[in-house]
Protein backbone atom coordinates (compact mmCIF):
# COMPACT_ATOMS: atom_id res chain seq x y z
CA MET A 1 115.79 92.83 88.47
CA ASN A 2 117.54 89.97 86.76
CA PHE A 3 121.16 90.90 87.40
CA LYS A 4 123.45 88.38 85.77
CA ILE A 5 127.16 88.34 84.90
CA SER A 6 128.44 85.78 82.43
CA GLU A 7 132.15 85.97 83.32
CA PRO A 8 133.52 85.85 86.88
CA THR A 9 134.43 89.36 88.04
CA THR A 10 134.85 88.69 91.76
CA ASN A 11 136.68 86.30 94.01
CA ILE A 12 133.47 84.39 94.74
CA LYS A 13 133.95 80.74 93.85
CA ARG A 14 130.99 80.04 91.64
CA TRP A 15 128.41 77.80 93.32
CA ASP A 16 130.31 77.67 96.62
CA HIS A 17 128.01 80.45 97.77
CA PRO A 18 124.57 81.52 96.57
CA GLY A 19 126.20 84.72 95.29
CA GLY A 20 127.97 82.69 92.63
CA LYS A 21 124.67 81.19 91.55
CA LEU A 22 123.15 84.66 91.41
CA LEU A 23 125.98 85.86 89.19
CA ASP A 24 125.69 82.85 86.89
CA LYS A 25 121.94 82.37 86.67
CA GLY A 26 120.35 85.55 88.00
CA ALA A 27 118.56 86.34 91.25
CA GLY A 28 115.35 84.67 90.11
CA SER A 29 117.07 81.28 90.13
CA LEU A 30 117.80 81.38 93.87
CA THR A 31 115.66 79.77 96.54
CA ASP A 32 114.32 81.86 99.41
CA ALA A 33 117.01 80.37 101.68
CA GLU A 34 119.78 81.20 99.19
CA LEU A 35 118.61 84.82 98.95
CA LEU A 36 118.44 85.21 102.72
CA ALA A 37 121.84 83.49 103.05
CA ILE A 38 123.37 86.24 100.93
CA ILE A 39 122.06 88.82 103.42
CA ILE A 40 123.22 86.74 106.40
CA SER A 41 126.61 86.33 104.70
CA THR A 42 128.27 83.81 107.03
CA GLY A 43 127.18 80.85 109.06
CA THR A 44 128.60 79.42 112.25
CA LYS A 45 130.83 76.49 113.04
CA GLY A 46 128.94 73.49 111.68
CA LYS A 47 126.16 75.49 109.99
CA THR A 48 126.33 77.39 106.71
CA ALA A 49 124.57 80.69 106.11
CA GLU A 50 122.19 78.80 103.83
CA GLN A 51 121.31 76.30 106.57
CA LEU A 52 120.78 79.15 109.04
CA ALA A 53 118.57 80.96 106.52
CA ASP A 54 116.53 77.81 105.93
CA GLU A 55 116.08 77.37 109.70
CA ILE A 56 114.81 80.96 110.03
CA LEU A 57 112.43 80.60 107.08
CA ARG A 58 110.99 77.36 108.47
CA LYS A 59 110.60 78.77 112.00
CA PHE A 60 108.66 81.81 110.75
CA SER A 61 106.92 80.11 107.77
CA GLY A 62 108.62 82.19 105.09
CA TYR A 63 109.37 85.82 104.39
CA ARG A 64 105.97 87.09 105.41
CA GLY A 65 106.38 85.52 108.83
CA ILE A 66 109.86 86.96 109.18
CA ALA A 67 108.59 90.43 108.37
CA ASN A 68 106.15 90.33 111.28
CA GLN A 69 108.68 89.39 113.96
CA PRO A 70 110.21 91.71 116.53
CA LEU A 71 113.98 91.87 116.17
CA GLU A 72 114.47 90.18 119.56
CA LYS A 73 112.99 86.93 118.15
CA PHE A 74 116.00 86.57 115.87
CA LEU A 75 118.39 86.37 118.81
CA GLN A 76 117.17 82.81 119.44
CA PHE A 77 119.11 81.63 116.39
CA LYS A 78 122.69 80.67 117.09
CA GLY A 79 124.79 82.52 114.54
CA LEU A 80 122.57 85.60 114.27
CA GLY A 81 124.16 88.54 116.00
CA GLU A 82 123.26 92.18 115.98
CA ARG A 83 124.88 92.92 112.59
CA LYS A 84 123.08 90.12 110.78
CA ILE A 85 119.77 91.03 112.40
CA ILE A 86 120.27 94.66 111.35
CA ARG A 87 120.88 93.54 107.73
CA ILE A 88 117.71 91.44 107.78
CA ALA A 89 115.71 94.33 109.25
CA ALA A 90 117.09 96.71 106.61
CA LEU A 91 116.19 94.24 103.85
CA PHE A 92 112.58 94.05 105.01
CA GLU A 93 112.35 97.82 105.38
CA ILE A 94 113.56 98.24 101.79
CA ALA A 95 110.96 95.68 100.65
CA ARG A 96 108.23 97.52 102.58
CA ARG A 97 109.19 100.82 100.96
CA ILE A 98 109.16 99.26 97.49
CA VAL A 99 105.64 97.95 98.11
CA ASP A 100 104.54 101.34 99.49
CA GLN A 101 105.95 103.16 96.44
CA ALA A 102 104.33 100.71 94.03
CA PHE A 103 101.00 101.08 95.82
CA GLU A 104 101.26 104.89 95.71
CA GLU A 105 101.96 104.76 91.95
CA TYR A 106 99.05 102.37 91.44
CA GLU A 107 96.69 104.72 93.29
CA LYS A 108 97.76 107.62 91.05
CA ASP A 109 96.68 105.78 87.90
């Protein structure tokens, strides 16, 4: 999906947050850390959501590594509480279901 809005329709300051970049340039233009930062939403004192996302991605060697982690492993990151971990878990469950549905459709053909 290449969702893109040409005129600002929200209170997001363009480019101050990866969401502004997504609105301007589309989701495909975002880095892995920027995408995960949108899910994380906020950082902590001294660390942006993007920096936290980058730290997580490096620790687990990317999305595939994140997907294989028990939820308790995410508690080691300062700034990741239960709500943020739940959002990350939901994101990966949605991704898993998309892959499962695509595979089922492929097998039908």
